[in-house]
Every structure is written in structure tokens, then in C-alpha cells.
Amino acid sequence: MTTLMVQGTTSDAGKSTLVTALCRWLARQGVAVAPFKPQNMALNSAVTADGGEIGRAQAVQAQAAGLASHTDMNPVLLKPNSDTGAQVIIHGRAVTQMDAAAYHDYKRVAMQAVLESHRRLSERYQVVMVEGAGSPAE
């Protein structure tokens, strides 16, 4: 198993598009590839086959890889509902609403969800194509 990560210098740098293209190219080469965005902040979401919620970009990336979308592809989704708060969705299910300070303390729980999802994807696919969030400097 290989994990590859695409990062950009800013949000909106084209990471989603590049990961989508790489998923499609790898799938056409016969490589079992899955997209993965550990944490995403977006209002636009898509429903997975099991009724969970993930970022729309990860659903498109799954389609490019020839896969049905799955909540492991975006284990932590934050849907902003104010300037400082968001609905927290873990493994496709809304768990709570939090402000930024409370989420900072919750990150350990969120990290466990991320690690579980990455492990499961790594066991099933030859390549896990990770889309970074924002930029490494943000």
C-alpha cells in the first residue's frame, strides 16, 4: 500500500481537481485507488451509499476512481454554521455542534476517526490518494 498526498500553498489551489485527476489516471492504469481527505470544512456535502455525509469533492474523486463513495474517504466533515462554529460530522454522522475552542479539545477524538479510516482504506486499496486541507502553512 502507498499513500500519496497532494498539498497546496492555499485553500482553492486546485488540490481537489488534481486528486480527482490522479484517481482517474491510477484507476485507468489498473491500480486500486481511493481518495482520502481526513478533515474537510465545507457546506457542500454528498450522501454515501450507506446514508453518510462526506465532502462533495471526495464523492467526485471516488467516482473518478470508479468507486462508490464511502464515509472513510472523508472521516471528519465540518459544516460551518457561524463565524466560529460548525456542525461536526464523524464517519458520516452528525455528532455535535462546536465552536472553534471546543473543537480544539475534540481533535483527539477526531484524530482517532481519521486513523481508523486510513487504516481501513490502506487495507483495501493499493494507493490512498490524500488531499490536504488548506495549506501546510495555514
N, C-alpha and C. Protein backbone atom coordinates (compact mmCIF):
# COMPACT_ATOMS: atom_id res chain seq x y z
N MET A 1 0.84 -1.18 0.00
CA MET A 1 0.00 0.00 0.00
C MET A 1 0.88 1.23 0.00
N THR A 2 0.45 2.23 -0.75
CA THR A 2 1.14 3.50 -0.83
C THR A 2 0.16 4.61 -0.52
N THR A 3 0.61 5.58 0.24
CA THR A 3 -0.19 6.78 0.49
C THR A 3 0.53 7.95 -0.15
N LEU A 4 -0.17 8.67 -1.01
CA LEU A 4 0.36 9.88 -1.64
C LEU A 4 -0.50 11.05 -1.22
N MET A 5 0.13 12.20 -0.96
CA MET A 5 -0.61 13.38 -0.52
C MET A 5 -0.36 14.55 -1.45
N VAL A 6 -1.44 15.23 -1.80
CA VAL A 6 -1.36 16.46 -2.57
C VAL A 6 -1.63 17.62 -1.63
N GLN A 7 -0.69 18.55 -1.57
CA GLN A 7 -0.86 19.75 -0.77
C GLN A 7 -0.74 20.96 -1.69
N GLY A 8 -1.25 22.08 -1.22
CA GLY A 8 -1.17 23.31 -1.99
C GLY A 8 -0.74 24.45 -1.10
N THR A 9 -0.44 25.56 -1.71
CA THR A 9 0.02 26.71 -0.94
C THR A 9 -1.11 27.50 -0.32
N THR A 10 -2.34 27.26 -0.75
CA THR A 10 -3.51 27.97 -0.22
C THR A 10 -4.73 27.07 -0.33
N SER A 11 -5.80 27.48 0.32
CA SER A 11 -7.09 26.88 0.02
C SER A 11 -7.42 27.31 -1.41
N ASP A 12 -8.16 26.49 -2.13
CA ASP A 12 -8.56 26.80 -3.51
C ASP A 12 -7.37 26.83 -4.47
N ALA A 13 -6.34 26.01 -4.18
CA ALA A 13 -5.17 25.93 -5.05
C ALA A 13 -5.33 24.90 -6.16
N GLY A 14 -6.41 24.10 -6.11
CA GLY A 14 -6.63 23.08 -7.12
C GLY A 14 -6.35 21.67 -6.66
N LYS A 15 -6.22 21.48 -5.35
CA LYS A 15 -5.92 20.15 -4.81
C LYS A 15 -7.00 19.14 -5.15
N SER A 16 -8.26 19.53 -5.00
CA SER A 16 -9.37 18.60 -5.28
C SER A 16 -9.34 18.13 -6.73
N THR A 17 -9.10 19.06 -7.63
CA THR A 17 -9.05 18.73 -9.06
C THR A 17 -7.89 17.80 -9.36
N LEU A 18 -6.74 18.08 -8.79
CA LEU A 18 -5.56 17.24 -9.04
C LEU A 18 -5.76 15.84 -8.47
N VAL A 19 -6.31 15.72 -7.27
CA VAL A 19 -6.56 14.40 -6.69
C VAL A 19 -7.57 13.64 -7.54
N THR A 20 -8.59 14.33 -8.03
CA THR A 20 -9.58 13.69 -8.91
C THR A 20 -8.90 13.14 -10.15
N ALA A 21 -8.05 13.94 -10.77
CA ALA A 21 -7.35 13.51 -11.98
C ALA A 21 -6.42 12.33 -11.69
N LEU A 22 -5.71 12.37 -10.58
CA LEU A 22 -4.80 11.27 -10.23
C LEU A 22 -5.57 9.99 -9.93
N CYS A 23 -6.72 10.12 -9.27
CA CYS A 23 -7.55 8.93 -9.01
C CYS A 23 -8.01 8.31 -10.33
N ARG A 24 -8.44 9.15 -11.27
CA ARG A 24 -8.90 8.63 -12.55
C ARG A 24 -7.75 7.96 -13.30
N TRP A 25 -6.59 8.63 -13.34
CA TRP A 25 -5.45 8.09 -14.07
C TRP A 25 -5.00 6.76 -13.47
N LEU A 26 -4.87 6.72 -12.14
CA LEU A 26 -4.44 5.47 -11.50
C LEU A 26 -5.45 4.35 -11.73
N ALA A 27 -6.73 4.66 -11.63
CA ALA A 27 -7.76 3.64 -11.87
C ALA A 27 -7.67 3.10 -13.30
N ARG A 28 -7.42 3.99 -14.26
CA ARG A 28 -7.28 3.55 -15.66
C ARG A 28 -6.03 2.71 -15.88
N GLN A 29 -5.05 2.85 -15.00
CA GLN A 29 -3.83 2.04 -15.08
C GLN A 29 -4.02 0.69 -14.39
N GLY A 30 -5.20 0.47 -13.82
CA GLY A 30 -5.48 -0.79 -13.14
C GLY A 30 -5.09 -0.80 -11.68
N VAL A 31 -4.82 0.37 -11.12
CA VAL A 31 -4.43 0.48 -9.72
C VAL A 31 -5.69 0.68 -8.88
N ALA A 32 -5.81 -0.07 -7.80
CA ALA A 32 -6.92 0.11 -6.86
C ALA A 32 -6.60 1.33 -6.01
N VAL A 33 -7.30 2.43 -6.25
CA VAL A 33 -7.02 3.70 -5.60
C VAL A 33 -8.28 4.23 -4.92
N ALA A 34 -8.08 4.87 -3.78
CA ALA A 34 -9.20 5.50 -3.07
C ALA A 34 -8.80 6.91 -2.64
N PRO A 35 -9.71 7.87 -2.77
CA PRO A 35 -9.43 9.22 -2.28
C PRO A 35 -9.59 9.29 -0.76
N PHE A 36 -8.91 10.25 -0.15
CA PHE A 36 -8.98 10.41 1.31
C PHE A 36 -8.70 11.86 1.66
N LYS A 37 -9.66 12.49 2.31
CA LYS A 37 -9.43 13.82 2.89
C LYS A 37 -9.78 13.70 4.36
N PRO A 38 -8.77 13.66 5.21
CA PRO A 38 -9.00 13.39 6.63
C PRO A 38 -10.02 14.34 7.26
N GLN A 39 -9.85 15.62 7.03
CA GLN A 39 -10.78 16.61 7.58
C GLN A 39 -11.10 17.63 6.51
N ASN A 40 -12.36 17.91 6.37
CA ASN A 40 -12.82 18.85 5.35
C ASN A 40 -13.78 19.83 6.00
N MET A 41 -13.65 21.10 5.66
CA MET A 41 -14.62 22.10 6.10
C MET A 41 -15.36 22.57 4.86
N ALA A 42 -16.63 22.20 4.76
CA ALA A 42 -17.40 22.55 3.58
C ALA A 42 -18.89 22.46 3.89
N LEU A 43 -19.65 23.34 3.28
CA LEU A 43 -21.10 23.26 3.38
C LEU A 43 -21.66 22.28 2.37
N ASN A 44 -20.96 22.11 1.26
CA ASN A 44 -21.43 21.22 0.20
C ASN A 44 -21.03 19.79 0.52
N SER A 45 -22.03 18.94 0.68
CA SER A 45 -21.74 17.55 1.00
C SER A 45 -22.50 16.63 0.05
N ALA A 46 -22.11 15.37 0.10
CA ALA A 46 -22.76 14.34 -0.72
C ALA A 46 -23.13 13.19 0.21
N VAL A 47 -24.14 12.44 -0.18
CA VAL A 47 -24.60 11.31 0.62
C VAL A 47 -23.97 10.04 0.06
N THR A 48 -23.40 9.23 0.94
CA THR A 48 -22.78 7.96 0.54
C THR A 48 -23.87 6.88 0.43
N ALA A 49 -23.49 5.75 -0.11
CA ALA A 49 -24.44 4.65 -0.31
C ALA A 49 -25.08 4.21 1.01
N ASP A 50 -24.34 4.31 2.11
CA ASP A 50 -24.90 3.90 3.40
C ASP A 50 -25.58 5.05 4.14
N GLY A 51 -25.79 6.16 3.45
CA GLY A 51 -26.53 7.28 4.04
C GLY A 51 -25.69 8.25 4.83
N GLY A 52 -24.37 8.10 4.80
CA GLY A 52 -23.49 9.03 5.50
C GLY A 52 -23.23 10.27 4.66
N GLU A 53 -22.56 11.23 5.27
CA GLU A 53 -22.27 12.50 4.61
C GLU A 53 -20.76 12.70 4.48
N ILE A 54 -20.31 13.06 3.29
CA ILE A 54 -18.90 13.41 3.07
C ILE A 54 -18.85 14.64 2.19
N GLY A 55 -17.67 15.23 2.07
CA GLY A 55 -17.49 16.37 1.20
C GLY A 55 -17.79 16.01 -0.24
N ARG A 56 -18.38 16.93 -0.96
CA ARG A 56 -18.75 16.67 -2.36
C ARG A 56 -17.53 16.34 -3.21
N ALA A 57 -16.41 17.00 -2.95
CA ALA A 57 -15.20 16.74 -3.74
C ALA A 57 -14.75 15.29 -3.58
N GLN A 58 -14.88 14.72 -2.38
CA GLN A 58 -14.45 13.34 -2.19
C GLN A 58 -15.41 12.38 -2.89
N ALA A 59 -16.67 12.73 -2.98
CA ALA A 59 -17.62 11.90 -3.74
C ALA A 59 -17.25 11.89 -5.22
N VAL A 60 -16.87 13.05 -5.75
CA VAL A 60 -16.44 13.13 -7.15
C VAL A 60 -15.14 12.35 -7.35
N GLN A 61 -14.22 12.46 -6.41
CA GLN A 61 -12.95 11.72 -6.50
C GLN A 61 -13.20 10.21 -6.49
N ALA A 62 -14.13 9.77 -5.66
CA ALA A 62 -14.48 8.34 -5.64
C ALA A 62 -15.02 7.92 -7.00
N GLN A 63 -15.89 8.74 -7.56
CA GLN A 63 -16.44 8.43 -8.88
C GLN A 63 -15.32 8.33 -9.91
N ALA A 64 -14.36 9.24 -9.84
CA ALA A 64 -13.23 9.21 -10.77
C ALA A 64 -12.42 7.93 -10.61
N ALA A 65 -12.36 7.40 -9.39
CA ALA A 65 -11.63 6.16 -9.12
C ALA A 65 -12.47 4.92 -9.43
N GLY A 66 -13.70 5.14 -9.84
CA GLY A 66 -14.59 4.02 -10.16
C GLY A 66 -15.18 3.36 -8.93
N LEU A 67 -15.33 4.13 -7.85
CA LEU A 67 -15.81 3.59 -6.58
C LEU A 67 -17.10 4.25 -6.15
N ALA A 68 -17.86 3.54 -5.35
CA ALA A 68 -18.97 4.17 -4.63
C ALA A 68 -18.36 4.95 -3.47
N SER A 69 -18.88 6.13 -3.20
CA SER A 69 -18.32 6.93 -2.11
C SER A 69 -18.60 6.26 -0.76
N HIS A 70 -17.69 6.49 0.18
CA HIS A 70 -17.76 5.87 1.49
C HIS A 70 -17.32 6.89 2.53
N THR A 71 -17.87 6.80 3.73
CA THR A 71 -17.53 7.78 4.77
C THR A 71 -16.06 7.72 5.18
N ASP A 72 -15.36 6.61 4.95
CA ASP A 72 -13.93 6.56 5.25
C ASP A 72 -13.13 7.51 4.36
N MET A 73 -13.69 7.92 3.25
CA MET A 73 -12.98 8.82 2.34
C MET A 73 -12.91 10.25 2.87
N ASN A 74 -13.75 10.58 3.85
CA ASN A 74 -13.75 11.90 4.49
C ASN A 74 -14.31 11.73 5.90
N PRO A 75 -13.49 11.18 6.82
CA PRO A 75 -14.00 10.82 8.14
C PRO A 75 -14.43 11.99 9.02
N VAL A 76 -13.86 13.17 8.80
CA VAL A 76 -14.24 14.34 9.60
C VAL A 76 -14.69 15.44 8.65
N LEU A 77 -15.95 15.78 8.74
CA LEU A 77 -16.52 16.86 7.93
C LEU A 77 -17.04 17.93 8.89
N LEU A 78 -16.59 19.15 8.69
CA LEU A 78 -17.04 20.28 9.49
C LEU A 78 -17.89 21.17 8.61
N LYS A 79 -19.14 21.37 9.00
CA LYS A 79 -20.05 22.22 8.24
C LYS A 79 -20.27 23.51 9.02
N PRO A 80 -19.64 24.61 8.57
CA PRO A 80 -19.73 25.86 9.32
C PRO A 80 -21.18 26.32 9.47
N ASN A 81 -21.50 26.81 10.68
CA ASN A 81 -22.83 27.37 10.90
C ASN A 81 -22.78 28.76 11.52
N SER A 82 -21.57 29.27 11.73
CA SER A 82 -21.36 30.64 12.21
C SER A 82 -19.91 31.01 11.91
N ASP A 83 -19.51 32.20 12.31
CA ASP A 83 -18.12 32.62 12.10
C ASP A 83 -17.14 31.80 12.94
N THR A 84 -17.61 31.22 14.03
CA THR A 84 -16.71 30.49 14.92
C THR A 84 -17.16 29.07 15.24
N GLY A 85 -18.24 28.60 14.62
CA GLY A 85 -18.75 27.28 14.96
C GLY A 85 -19.09 26.44 13.75
N ALA A 86 -19.25 25.14 14.00
CA ALA A 86 -19.57 24.21 12.91
C ALA A 86 -20.27 22.98 13.47
N GLN A 87 -21.03 22.35 12.58
CA GLN A 87 -21.57 21.03 12.87
C GLN A 87 -20.44 20.04 12.62
N VAL A 88 -20.22 19.11 13.55
CA VAL A 88 -19.15 18.14 13.43
C VAL A 88 -19.75 16.81 13.00
N ILE A 89 -19.26 16.30 11.87
CA ILE A 89 -19.74 15.04 11.32
C ILE A 89 -18.56 14.06 11.33
N ILE A 90 -18.73 12.95 12.02
CA ILE A 90 -17.69 11.93 12.14
C ILE A 90 -18.21 10.65 11.49
N HIS A 91 -17.41 10.11 10.57
CA HIS A 91 -17.80 8.91 9.83
C HIS A 91 -19.22 9.03 9.27
N GLY A 92 -19.50 10.21 8.72
CA GLY A 92 -20.75 10.42 8.01
C GLY A 92 -21.95 10.78 8.85
N ARG A 93 -21.80 10.83 10.16
CA ARG A 93 -22.93 11.10 11.04
C ARG A 93 -22.68 12.35 11.87
N ALA A 94 -23.68 13.22 11.94
CA ALA A 94 -23.57 14.43 12.76
C ALA A 94 -23.49 14.02 14.23
N VAL A 95 -22.47 14.51 14.93
CA VAL A 95 -22.32 14.16 16.34
C VAL A 95 -22.58 15.33 17.27
N THR A 96 -22.27 16.55 16.83
CA THR A 96 -22.47 17.70 17.70
C THR A 96 -22.24 18.99 16.92
N GLN A 97 -22.47 20.10 17.59
CA GLN A 97 -22.12 21.43 17.10
C GLN A 97 -21.08 21.97 18.07
N MET A 98 -20.04 22.61 17.55
CA MET A 98 -18.99 23.13 18.42
C MET A 98 -18.47 24.45 17.92
N ASP A 99 -17.96 25.23 18.86
CA ASP A 99 -17.21 26.41 18.45
C ASP A 99 -15.75 25.99 18.31
N ALA A 100 -14.95 26.88 17.78
CA ALA A 100 -13.55 26.55 17.47
C ALA A 100 -12.77 26.11 18.71
N ALA A 101 -13.00 26.76 19.84
CA ALA A 101 -12.26 26.40 21.06
C ALA A 101 -12.62 24.99 21.52
N ALA A 102 -13.89 24.64 21.49
CA ALA A 102 -14.30 23.29 21.90
C ALA A 102 -13.75 22.25 20.93
N TYR A 103 -13.73 22.57 19.64
CA TYR A 103 -13.22 21.61 18.67
C TYR A 103 -11.73 21.35 18.88
N HIS A 104 -11.01 22.36 19.30
CA HIS A 104 -9.58 22.18 19.58
C HIS A 104 -9.39 21.05 20.59
N ASP A 105 -10.22 21.01 21.62
CA ASP A 105 -10.13 19.94 22.62
C ASP A 105 -10.64 18.61 22.09
N TYR A 106 -11.50 18.63 21.08
CA TYR A 106 -12.11 17.44 20.50
C TYR A 106 -11.21 16.77 19.46
N LYS A 107 -10.14 17.42 19.06
CA LYS A 107 -9.29 16.93 17.97
C LYS A 107 -8.75 15.52 18.21
N ARG A 108 -8.53 15.14 19.48
CA ARG A 108 -8.04 13.78 19.75
C ARG A 108 -9.06 12.73 19.31
N VAL A 109 -10.32 13.01 19.55
CA VAL A 109 -11.38 12.09 19.13
C VAL A 109 -11.45 12.05 17.61
N ALA A 110 -11.40 13.22 16.99
CA ALA A 110 -11.43 13.29 15.52
C ALA A 110 -10.24 12.56 14.92
N MET A 111 -9.08 12.69 15.52
CA MET A 111 -7.88 12.02 15.01
C MET A 111 -8.05 10.51 15.02
N GLN A 112 -8.70 9.97 16.01
CA GLN A 112 -8.94 8.52 16.05
C GLN A 112 -9.80 8.08 14.87
N ALA A 113 -10.81 8.89 14.52
CA ALA A 113 -11.65 8.59 13.36
C ALA A 113 -10.81 8.60 12.09
N VAL A 114 -9.93 9.57 11.97
CA VAL A 114 -9.06 9.67 10.79
C VAL A 114 -8.15 8.45 10.69
N LEU A 115 -7.52 8.08 11.79
CA LEU A 115 -6.60 6.94 11.77
C LEU A 115 -7.33 5.63 11.45
N GLU A 116 -8.53 5.45 11.99
CA GLU A 116 -9.32 4.26 11.69
C GLU A 116 -9.66 4.19 10.20
N SER A 117 -10.10 5.31 9.65
CA SER A 117 -10.47 5.33 8.23
C SER A 117 -9.27 5.07 7.34
N HIS A 118 -8.13 5.70 7.64
CA HIS A 118 -6.93 5.49 6.83
C HIS A 118 -6.50 4.03 6.89
N ARG A 119 -6.56 3.43 8.06
CA ARG A 119 -6.18 2.01 8.19
C ARG A 119 -7.08 1.13 7.32
N ARG A 120 -8.39 1.36 7.37
CA ARG A 120 -9.31 0.54 6.57
C ARG A 120 -9.07 0.73 5.08
N LEU A 121 -8.87 1.98 4.64
CA LEU A 121 -8.61 2.23 3.22
C LEU A 121 -7.29 1.58 2.80
N SER A 122 -6.28 1.68 3.66
CA SER A 122 -4.96 1.11 3.35
C SER A 122 -5.02 -0.40 3.20
N GLU A 123 -5.91 -1.04 3.92
CA GLU A 123 -6.06 -2.49 3.83
C GLU A 123 -6.76 -2.91 2.54
N ARG A 124 -7.57 -2.03 1.97
CA ARG A 124 -8.39 -2.39 0.80
C ARG A 124 -7.82 -1.93 -0.53
N TYR A 125 -6.98 -0.89 -0.53
CA TYR A 125 -6.54 -0.29 -1.79
C TYR A 125 -5.02 -0.25 -1.88
N GLN A 126 -4.53 -0.30 -3.13
CA GLN A 126 -3.09 -0.21 -3.35
C GLN A 126 -2.57 1.19 -3.08
N VAL A 127 -3.37 2.21 -3.44
CA VAL A 127 -2.98 3.60 -3.25
C VAL A 127 -4.10 4.34 -2.54
N VAL A 128 -3.74 5.09 -1.50
CA VAL A 128 -4.65 6.02 -0.85
C VAL A 128 -4.17 7.40 -1.25
N MET A 129 -5.02 8.11 -1.99
CA MET A 129 -4.67 9.43 -2.53
C MET A 129 -5.23 10.50 -1.60
N VAL A 130 -4.36 11.13 -0.82
CA VAL A 130 -4.79 12.08 0.21
C VAL A 130 -4.81 13.50 -0.35
N GLU A 131 -5.90 14.19 -0.05
CA GLU A 131 -5.99 15.62 -0.34
C GLU A 131 -5.79 16.38 0.95
N GLY A 132 -4.76 17.20 0.99
CA GLY A 132 -4.52 18.03 2.17
C GLY A 132 -5.59 19.09 2.31
N ALA A 133 -5.71 19.61 3.51
CA ALA A 133 -6.69 20.67 3.79
C ALA A 133 -5.98 22.01 3.84
N GLY A 134 -6.51 22.99 3.14
CA GLY A 134 -5.88 24.31 3.15
C GLY A 134 -4.46 24.22 2.61
N SER A 135 -3.52 24.68 3.41
CA SER A 135 -2.11 24.54 3.04
C SER A 135 -1.33 24.13 4.26
N PRO A 136 -0.13 23.59 4.07
CA PRO A 136 0.67 23.20 5.23
C PRO A 136 1.00 24.40 6.13
N ALA A 137 0.97 25.60 5.56
CA ALA A 137 1.31 26.79 6.33
C ALA A 137 0.12 27.39 7.05
N GLU A 138 -1.10 27.00 6.67
CA GLU A 138 -2.30 27.59 7.29
C GLU A 138 -2.57 26.99 8.65
